[in-house]
Amino acid sequence: MQKNVIASNRKSILFFLVLGYTLASMDRFFINYAVLPISEDLKLDASAMGVILSAFFAGYALMQIPGGWLADRFGARIVLVSSITVWSIFTGLTGVAWSLVILIAIRFVFGMGEGGFIPASAKMIALSFPKKSRSQAMSVLLSAAALAGLVTPIIAASLIGTIGWRTMFIYIGISGVVMAILFWHFLKPKFVSGPYLEPHLPLKEDVNPAISKGTVKLLFRTPVMWSLMIASFSMFFINWGTASWLPTYLVKERGLDLLSLGMLQMIPAATSIIFMLMSGYLIDKMHAGSEKWYGAVCGAGLAVFVYLMFNASNVTMFIIYQSILPFFMTTITILVNALPLKWLPESVGGSAVGMVNFGGQLSGFIAPLSIGFIVDASGGSFSLVVWLLVICGLLCCLSFLTLHFNKDVIFLAETGEVLAKQ
């Protein structure tokens, strides 16, 4: 007899995952608004701040595949609780950093702590939801980042202006520890015996000891996974590059103050939530195989709107273009995260999403660092940065065009079943 998560419990699971990812995203975004006061307090230039911003993503990227593998091997719940605990402790420690080296080390371990959250969450969704609704479930989860983007700018600006950046990080770290305790007590899938709605692996909760042999190796042999990983890398290069440096750009190049910046950035954050939820619904309804063309069009859209945004004649047009950009970003985000959950058995879902996210988070390491050096080398100009981001959009488009569904998806399904039977 197979095991299934009861439907009422799915809503509870998704609620806690969204709650956790909202906090994770807020913790990650806060430092983007603290760049100016941190650089003033510690006497750091743009290159040094680029290293600090990239240190998080170095740790975050390194934990994507191990985090997914650990969730497949030992269960998603323990990985989720451990992830929240580690990142919260090191978020708090950010507030006591006294030098560049210490801050880099703290942000690196903070990134490692947060790195296992999305692969483990994907594992929990694969276990709890039928394939026909996994894209929508992932879109609800990933919309938490957009929600965080909506509230973080104004919260960060207010807290930095009142209690300072150091105290802000300490308070956020404490709230994360409380969140980890709530996860441990309440994030518990409730299983019932009975026929599943579709072929499903018999699991004891979400633990599968068989996933200790060759999961990642076989995934890396699959061309379609490489295409998704490259698409993730190029799209997130634009995402993390703009998220990390837009506050600095809008203050220095467009003359905004922090409070005005926080208010204006709530507009594209709000459109991100709408587009994220809409994309998940549309992708679940999409005919199999059409995702390739949809993703390619969105990659081209990224290139066009990044160019228009940075060449806008005024702040109003800049915000309008920035508010349209999330449509393409959210669609690609859902595609690269949901397709592995649809193509692969649940037993390897965490590892597959971890591999795809590795590409995205690797760009999170490279983008802030490279942009910081480019800005310094260009005498403070962002002109070369714009063309770099446009090229990334075109690369994303090309990576979707290389997807070959028939042969590669069959290979993925067969290798996944082999792993499950080992």
Protein backbone atom coordinates (compact mmCIF):
# COMPACT_ATOMS: atom_id res chain seq x y z
CA MET A 1 0.00 0.00 0.00
CA GLN A 2 1.32 3.42 -0.93
CA LYS A 3 1.43 6.55 1.20
CA ASN A 4 -0.01 9.94 0.41
CA VAL A 5 -0.04 13.27 2.20
CA ILE A 6 -3.65 14.13 3.01
CA ALA A 7 -4.98 17.11 1.08
CA SER A 8 -5.74 19.28 4.13
CA ASN A 9 -2.17 18.90 5.32
CA ARG A 10 -0.80 20.11 1.96
CA LYS A 11 -2.08 23.62 2.65
CA SER A 12 -0.36 23.64 6.03
CA ILE A 13 2.90 22.43 4.48
CA LEU A 14 2.80 25.06 1.74
CA PHE A 15 1.96 27.79 4.28
CA PHE A 16 5.04 27.02 6.36
CA LEU A 17 7.27 26.75 3.31
CA VAL A 18 6.08 30.16 2.11
CA LEU A 19 6.57 31.63 5.59
CA GLY A 20 10.12 30.28 5.76
CA TYR A 21 11.08 31.40 2.26
CA THR A 22 9.69 34.88 2.90
CA LEU A 23 12.00 35.23 5.89
CA ALA A 24 14.91 33.75 3.91
CA SER A 25 14.39 36.23 1.09
CA MET A 26 14.08 39.17 3.48
CA ASP A 27 17.31 38.16 5.21
CA ARG A 28 19.02 38.00 1.82
CA PHE A 29 17.64 41.33 0.54
CA PHE A 30 18.29 43.42 3.65
CA ILE A 31 22.00 43.74 2.95
CA ASN A 32 21.30 45.28 -0.48
CA TYR A 33 19.79 48.28 1.32
CA ALA A 34 22.49 48.28 3.97
CA VAL A 35 25.29 48.54 1.37
CA LEU A 36 25.68 52.29 1.76
CA PRO A 37 25.84 52.48 5.60
CA ILE A 38 28.04 49.35 5.78
CA SER A 39 30.47 50.74 3.21
CA GLU A 40 30.60 54.03 5.12
CA ASP A 41 31.12 52.39 8.53
CA LEU A 42 33.77 49.93 7.34
CA LYS A 43 35.31 52.24 4.71
CA LEU A 44 34.71 49.87 1.76
CA ASP A 45 34.62 50.59 -1.99
CA ALA A 46 32.29 49.05 -4.61
CA SER A 47 34.66 46.14 -5.30
CA ALA A 48 34.80 45.20 -1.61
CA MET A 49 31.01 45.38 -1.29
CA GLY A 50 30.74 43.22 -4.41
CA VAL A 51 32.85 40.58 -2.68
CA ILE A 52 30.61 40.74 0.41
CA LEU A 53 27.44 40.41 -1.66
CA SER A 54 28.95 37.55 -3.64
CA ALA A 55 30.18 35.69 -0.54
CA PHE A 56 26.59 34.82 0.34
CA PHE A 57 25.97 33.32 -3.08
CA ALA A 58 29.20 31.33 -3.00
CA GLY A 59 27.94 29.47 0.06
CA TYR A 60 24.38 29.39 -1.28
CA ALA A 61 25.41 27.86 -4.61
CA LEU A 62 27.68 25.28 -2.99
CA MET A 63 24.79 23.95 -0.89
CA GLN A 64 22.22 23.59 -3.68
CA ILE A 65 23.13 20.08 -4.83
CA PRO A 66 24.19 18.77 -1.37
CA GLY A 67 21.02 20.28 0.10
CA GLY A 68 18.83 18.48 -2.44
CA TRP A 69 20.73 15.23 -1.96
CA LEU A 70 20.41 15.47 1.83
CA ALA A 71 16.66 16.04 1.51
CA ASP A 72 16.35 13.00 -0.77
CA ARG A 73 18.48 10.89 1.55
CA PHE A 74 17.44 11.96 5.06
CA GLY A 75 14.18 13.84 4.62
CA ALA A 76 13.16 17.41 3.84
CA ARG A 77 12.01 18.40 7.33
CA ILE A 78 15.38 18.01 9.05
CA VAL A 79 17.12 19.88 6.21
CA LEU A 80 14.60 22.74 6.39
CA VAL A 81 14.92 23.17 10.15
CA SER A 82 18.73 22.99 10.02
CA SER A 83 18.80 25.49 7.16
CA ILE A 84 16.70 28.08 9.01
CA THR A 85 18.72 27.68 12.22
CA VAL A 86 22.10 28.18 10.55
CA TRP A 87 21.13 31.13 8.37
CA SER A 88 19.40 32.88 11.29
CA ILE A 89 22.43 32.61 13.55
CA PHE A 90 24.71 34.06 10.90
CA THR A 91 22.23 36.76 9.93
CA GLY A 92 22.44 37.94 13.53
CA LEU A 93 26.23 37.76 13.46
CA THR A 94 26.24 40.10 10.43
CA GLY A 95 25.32 42.85 12.88
CA VAL A 96 28.53 42.40 14.90
CA ALA A 97 31.00 42.18 11.99
CA TRP A 98 33.94 44.54 12.43
CA SER A 99 36.02 44.00 9.29
CA LEU A 100 35.81 43.05 5.64
CA VAL A 101 37.22 39.55 6.19
CA ILE A 102 34.85 38.76 9.07
CA LEU A 103 31.84 40.02 7.13
CA ILE A 104 32.80 37.91 4.10
CA ALA A 105 33.12 34.80 6.28
CA ILE A 106 29.77 35.43 7.99
CA ARG A 107 27.96 35.98 4.72
CA PHE A 108 29.50 32.83 3.21
CA VAL A 109 28.27 30.59 6.05
CA PHE A 110 24.92 32.41 6.02
CA GLY A 111 24.62 31.47 2.33
CA MET A 112 25.46 27.82 3.06
CA GLY A 113 22.75 27.76 5.71
CA GLU A 114 20.12 29.12 3.35
CA GLY A 115 21.28 27.01 0.40
CA GLY A 116 19.40 23.85 1.33
CA PHE A 117 16.00 25.50 1.80
CA ILE A 118 14.64 25.55 -1.77
CA PRO A 119 15.84 22.03 -2.77
CA ALA A 120 14.36 20.65 0.46
CA SER A 121 11.15 22.62 -0.13
CA ALA A 122 10.95 21.23 -3.67
CA LYS A 123 11.36 17.75 -2.22
CA MET A 124 8.50 18.41 0.20
CA ILE A 125 6.29 19.67 -2.64
CA ALA A 126 7.14 16.67 -4.84
CA LEU A 127 6.14 14.39 -1.99
CA SER A 128 2.97 16.25 -1.04
CA PHE A 129 1.42 17.37 -4.34
CA PRO A 130 0.39 15.47 -7.51
CA LYS A 131 2.32 16.34 -10.67
CA LYS A 132 -0.55 18.27 -12.21
CA SER A 133 -0.39 20.93 -9.47
CA ARG A 134 3.34 21.08 -8.67
CA SER A 135 4.07 24.10 -10.90
CA GLN A 136 1.34 26.04 -9.13
CA ALA A 137 2.63 24.95 -5.72
CA MET A 138 6.15 26.01 -6.67
CA SER A 139 4.83 29.35 -7.92
CA VAL A 140 3.12 29.96 -4.58
CA LEU A 141 6.35 29.10 -2.75
CA LEU A 142 8.57 31.22 -5.00
CA SER A 143 6.14 34.14 -4.79
CA ALA A 144 7.42 34.50 -1.23
CA ALA A 145 10.58 36.06 -2.66
CA ALA A 146 8.43 38.62 -4.46
CA LEU A 147 6.48 39.23 -1.25
CA ALA A 148 9.76 39.82 0.56
CA GLY A 149 10.78 42.18 -2.21
CA LEU A 150 7.56 44.10 -1.61
CA VAL A 151 8.03 44.67 2.11
CA THR A 152 11.83 44.59 2.50
CA PRO A 153 12.66 47.97 0.92
CA ILE A 154 10.44 50.01 3.22
CA ILE A 155 11.24 47.90 6.31
CA ALA A 156 14.97 48.07 5.64
CA ALA A 157 14.92 51.80 5.01
CA SER A 158 12.91 52.40 8.19
CA LEU A 159 15.04 50.14 10.41
CA ILE A 160 18.37 51.43 9.10
CA GLY A 161 17.19 54.98 9.69
CA THR A 162 16.02 54.29 13.26
CA ILE A 163 17.99 51.48 14.92
CA GLY A 164 20.91 51.16 12.48
CA TRP A 165 22.04 48.30 10.28
CA ARG A 166 23.79 46.35 13.05
CA THR A 167 20.77 46.11 15.37
CA MET A 168 18.53 45.36 12.40
CA PHE A 169 20.49 42.19 11.53
CA ILE A 170 20.54 41.03 15.15
CA TYR A 171 16.75 41.30 15.48
CA ILE A 172 16.20 39.49 12.19
CA GLY A 173 18.47 36.65 13.33
CA ILE A 174 16.47 36.21 16.53
CA SER A 175 13.20 36.03 14.58
CA GLY A 176 14.70 33.28 12.42
CA VAL A 177 15.53 31.10 15.41
CA VAL A 178 11.89 31.39 16.48
CA MET A 179 10.88 30.36 12.96
CA ALA A 180 13.06 27.23 13.15
CA ILE A 181 11.32 26.16 16.37
CA LEU A 182 7.91 26.59 14.71
CA PHE A 183 9.04 24.50 11.72
CA TRP A 184 10.23 21.67 13.97
CA HIS A 185 6.92 21.50 15.82
CA PHE A 186 4.42 22.08 13.02
CA LEU A 187 5.93 21.05 9.66
CA LYS A 188 4.94 17.40 9.87
CA PRO A 189 3.42 15.67 6.82
CA LYS A 190 0.47 13.45 7.78
CA PHE A 191 0.41 10.27 5.72
CA VAL A 192 -2.47 7.94 5.01
CA SER A 193 -2.34 4.56 3.32
CA GLY A 194 -4.19 4.12 0.08
CA PRO A 195 -3.88 4.36 -3.70
CA TYR A 196 -2.15 7.46 -4.96
CA LEU A 197 -3.67 9.51 -7.78
CA GLU A 198 -0.73 8.59 -10.02
CA PRO A 199 2.30 6.25 -9.93
CA HIS A 200 4.17 7.13 -6.76
CA LEU A 201 7.06 5.68 -4.83
CA PRO A 202 6.26 4.07 -1.48
CA LEU A 203 8.05 6.28 1.02
CA LYS A 204 8.30 6.50 4.75
CA GLU A 205 7.73 10.23 5.10
CA ASP A 206 10.26 11.77 2.69
CA VAL A 207 13.28 9.60 3.48
CA ASN A 208 14.81 7.32 0.84
CA PRO A 209 18.07 5.60 1.83
CA ALA A 210 18.51 4.35 -1.75
CA ILE A 211 19.42 7.86 -2.90
CA SER A 212 23.01 7.44 -1.90
CA LYS A 213 24.19 6.00 -5.18
CA GLY A 214 24.80 8.01 -8.29
CA THR A 215 21.88 10.46 -8.25
CA VAL A 216 23.85 13.58 -9.06
CA LYS A 217 26.18 11.77 -11.47
CA LEU A 218 23.28 10.57 -13.60
CA LEU A 219 21.60 13.98 -13.58
CA PHE A 220 24.81 15.62 -14.80
CA ARG A 221 24.83 13.20 -17.74
CA THR A 222 21.51 14.56 -19.00
CA PRO A 223 21.70 17.40 -21.61
CA VAL A 224 18.27 18.77 -20.75
CA MET A 225 19.37 19.35 -17.15
CA TRP A 226 22.37 21.32 -18.41
CA SER A 227 20.07 23.47 -20.54
CA LEU A 228 17.88 24.21 -17.53
CA MET A 229 20.92 24.96 -15.38
CA ILE A 230 22.31 27.42 -17.95
CA ALA A 231 18.88 29.07 -18.28
CA SER A 232 18.78 29.38 -14.51
CA PHE A 233 22.30 30.85 -14.43
CA SER A 234 21.65 33.51 -17.07
CA MET A 235 18.23 34.58 -15.74
CA PHE A 236 19.42 34.79 -12.15
CA PHE A 237 22.51 36.72 -13.22
CA ILE A 238 20.11 39.46 -14.25
CA ASN A 239 17.99 38.96 -11.15
CA TRP A 240 20.80 39.01 -8.58
CA GLY A 241 22.83 41.57 -10.47
CA THR A 242 19.98 44.06 -10.46
CA ALA A 243 18.81 43.19 -6.93
CA SER A 244 22.31 43.72 -5.53
CA TRP A 245 23.17 46.96 -7.30
CA LEU A 246 19.88 48.68 -8.18
CA PRO A 247 19.62 50.45 -4.79
CA THR A 248 23.12 51.88 -5.28
CA TYR A 249 22.41 52.72 -8.93
CA LEU A 250 19.13 54.52 -8.16
CA VAL A 251 20.69 56.53 -5.34
CA LYS A 252 23.88 57.52 -7.18
CA GLU A 253 22.70 57.69 -10.81
CA ARG A 254 19.05 58.68 -10.44
CA GLY A 255 19.32 60.79 -7.26
CA LEU A 256 16.81 58.93 -5.03
CA ASP A 257 17.02 58.87 -1.24
CA LEU A 258 16.66 55.60 0.67
CA LEU A 259 13.05 56.19 1.74
CA SER A 260 11.89 57.12 -1.78
CA LEU A 261 13.83 54.14 -3.10
CA GLY A 262 12.04 51.83 -0.67
CA MET A 263 8.61 53.11 -1.65
CA LEU A 264 9.24 52.90 -5.40
CA GLN A 265 10.70 49.39 -5.22
CA MET A 266 7.42 48.13 -3.76
CA ILE A 267 5.83 48.56 -7.22
CA PRO A 268 7.93 45.98 -9.17
CA ALA A 269 7.80 43.74 -6.08
CA ALA A 270 3.99 43.78 -6.22
CA THR A 271 3.96 42.90 -9.93
CA SER A 272 6.38 40.06 -9.17
CA ILE A 273 3.85 38.44 -6.84
CA ILE A 274 1.08 38.69 -9.44
CA PHE A 275 3.25 37.36 -12.26
CA MET A 276 4.66 34.52 -10.13
CA LEU A 277 1.22 33.18 -9.21
CA MET A 278 -0.05 33.64 -12.76
CA SER A 279 2.97 31.86 -14.28
CA GLY A 280 2.55 28.75 -12.15
CA TYR A 281 -1.10 28.40 -13.18
CA LEU A 282 -0.33 28.90 -16.88
CA ILE A 283 2.59 26.45 -16.91
CA ASP A 284 0.47 23.70 -15.31
CA LYS A 285 -2.10 24.19 -18.10
CA MET A 286 0.55 24.28 -20.84
CA HIS A 287 0.85 21.51 -23.43
CA ALA A 288 3.93 19.34 -22.80
CA GLY A 289 6.80 20.47 -25.00
CA SER A 290 5.61 24.06 -25.45
CA GLU A 291 7.62 25.14 -22.39
CA LYS A 292 10.70 25.33 -24.62
CA TRP A 293 9.27 28.12 -26.77
CA TYR A 294 7.66 29.92 -23.87
CA GLY A 295 11.00 30.01 -22.03
CA ALA A 296 12.88 31.20 -25.14
CA VAL A 297 10.47 34.12 -25.65
CA CYS A 298 10.84 35.10 -21.99
CA GLY A 299 14.64 35.02 -22.26
CA ALA A 300 14.48 37.42 -25.21
CA GLY A 301 12.07 39.57 -23.22
CA LEU A 302 14.62 39.84 -20.42
CA ALA A 303 17.23 41.21 -22.81
CA VAL A 304 14.86 43.79 -24.30
CA PHE A 305 13.44 45.12 -21.03
CA VAL A 306 16.78 45.27 -19.22
CA TYR A 307 18.03 47.50 -22.04
CA LEU A 308 14.91 49.67 -21.95
CA MET A 309 15.01 49.96 -18.17
CA PHE A 310 18.57 51.25 -17.88
CA ASN A 311 18.08 53.61 -20.84
CA ALA A 312 14.80 55.05 -19.54
CA SER A 313 14.59 58.83 -19.82
CA ASN A 314 13.27 59.30 -16.26
CA VAL A 315 12.63 57.44 -13.02
CA THR A 316 8.94 56.87 -13.87
CA MET A 317 9.77 54.99 -17.07
CA PHE A 318 12.55 53.12 -15.25
CA ILE A 319 10.03 51.80 -12.69
CA ILE A 320 7.51 50.91 -15.42
CA TYR A 321 10.06 48.79 -17.29
CA GLN A 322 11.30 47.30 -14.01
CA SER A 323 7.71 46.35 -13.15
CA ILE A 324 7.26 44.46 -16.45
CA LEU A 325 10.60 42.64 -16.15
CA PRO A 326 9.32 40.25 -13.40
CA PHE A 327 6.88 38.67 -15.87
CA PHE A 328 9.80 37.12 -17.77
CA MET A 329 11.82 36.37 -14.63
CA THR A 330 9.01 34.63 -12.76
CA THR A 331 8.03 32.51 -15.75
CA ILE A 332 11.59 31.28 -16.22
CA THR A 333 11.97 30.70 -12.47
CA ILE A 334 8.87 28.50 -12.41
CA LEU A 335 9.90 26.62 -15.56
CA VAL A 336 13.41 25.70 -14.38
CA ASN A 337 12.18 24.66 -10.92
CA ALA A 338 8.95 22.89 -11.85
CA LEU A 339 9.98 20.91 -14.94
CA PRO A 340 12.33 18.58 -13.02
CA LEU A 341 9.51 17.89 -10.53
CA LYS A 342 7.22 16.93 -13.42
CA TRP A 343 9.77 14.83 -15.30
CA LEU A 344 11.41 12.93 -12.46
CA PRO A 345 10.18 10.59 -9.75
CA GLU A 346 9.74 12.19 -6.32
CA SER A 347 12.73 10.23 -5.00
CA VAL A 348 15.22 12.44 -6.88
CA GLY A 349 13.27 15.70 -7.00
CA GLY A 350 15.43 17.42 -4.41
CA SER A 351 18.69 16.58 -6.20
CA ALA A 352 17.33 17.69 -9.59
CA VAL A 353 16.07 21.05 -8.33
CA GLY A 354 19.33 21.47 -6.42
CA MET A 355 21.29 21.00 -9.65
CA VAL A 356 19.20 23.57 -11.52
CA ASN A 357 19.39 26.02 -8.63
CA PHE A 358 23.15 25.57 -8.46
CA GLY A 359 23.35 27.33 -11.82
CA GLY A 360 21.13 30.16 -10.61
CA GLN A 361 22.93 30.68 -7.34
CA LEU A 362 26.37 30.42 -8.95
CA SER A 363 25.35 33.50 -10.92
CA GLY A 364 24.39 35.08 -7.61
CA PHE A 365 28.03 34.74 -6.61
CA ILE A 366 29.46 35.97 -9.91
CA ALA A 367 27.02 38.81 -10.68
CA PRO A 368 27.50 41.18 -7.67
CA LEU A 369 31.25 40.59 -7.69
CA SER A 370 31.72 41.20 -11.42
CA ILE A 371 29.40 44.22 -11.45
CA GLY A 372 31.29 45.78 -8.55
CA PHE A 373 34.60 45.42 -10.38
CA ILE A 374 33.11 46.69 -13.66
CA VAL A 375 31.65 49.77 -11.96
CA ASP A 376 34.98 50.57 -10.30
CA ALA A 377 36.91 49.99 -13.54
CA SER A 378 34.45 52.23 -15.42
CA GLY A 379 34.81 55.11 -12.99
CA GLY A 380 31.38 54.53 -11.44
CA SER A 381 29.53 54.05 -14.73
CA PHE A 382 26.96 51.26 -15.21
CA SER A 383 27.04 51.33 -19.05
CA LEU A 384 29.05 48.11 -19.51
CA VAL A 385 26.93 46.40 -16.86
CA VAL A 386 23.81 46.97 -18.96
CA TRP A 387 25.28 45.18 -21.98
CA LEU A 388 26.43 42.30 -19.80
CA LEU A 389 22.87 41.85 -18.53
CA VAL A 390 21.46 42.01 -22.07
CA ILE A 391 23.84 39.23 -23.16
CA CYS A 392 22.63 37.10 -20.24
CA GLY A 393 19.04 37.48 -21.44
CA LEU A 394 20.01 36.27 -24.92
CA LEU A 395 21.91 33.32 -23.40
CA CYS A 396 18.79 32.36 -21.47
CA CYS A 397 16.79 32.41 -24.69
CA LEU A 398 19.31 30.16 -26.47
CA SER A 399 19.46 27.67 -23.58
CA PHE A 400 15.71 27.03 -23.83
CA LEU A 401 16.01 26.55 -27.58
CA THR A 402 18.48 23.69 -26.93
CA LEU A 403 15.94 21.70 -24.89
CA HIS A 404 15.13 18.33 -26.52
CA PHE A 405 12.19 16.84 -24.70
CA ASN A 406 11.65 13.38 -26.17
CA LYS A 407 15.00 11.63 -25.75
CA ASP A 408 16.19 13.51 -22.67
CA VAL A 409 12.96 13.31 -20.69
CA ILE A 410 12.73 9.55 -21.32
CA PHE A 411 16.32 9.22 -20.12
CA LEU A 412 15.52 11.21 -16.99
CA ALA A 413 12.48 9.12 -16.18
CA GLU A 414 14.32 5.83 -16.74
CA THR A 415 17.36 6.80 -14.69
CA GLY A 416 15.13 8.10 -11.92
CA GLU A 417 13.27 4.79 -11.74
CA VAL A 418 16.58 2.91 -11.68
CA LEU A 419 17.73 5.01 -8.74
CA ALA A 420 14.50 4.43 -6.90
CA LYS A 421 14.89 0.65 -7.20
CA GLN A 422 18.53 0.52 -6.06
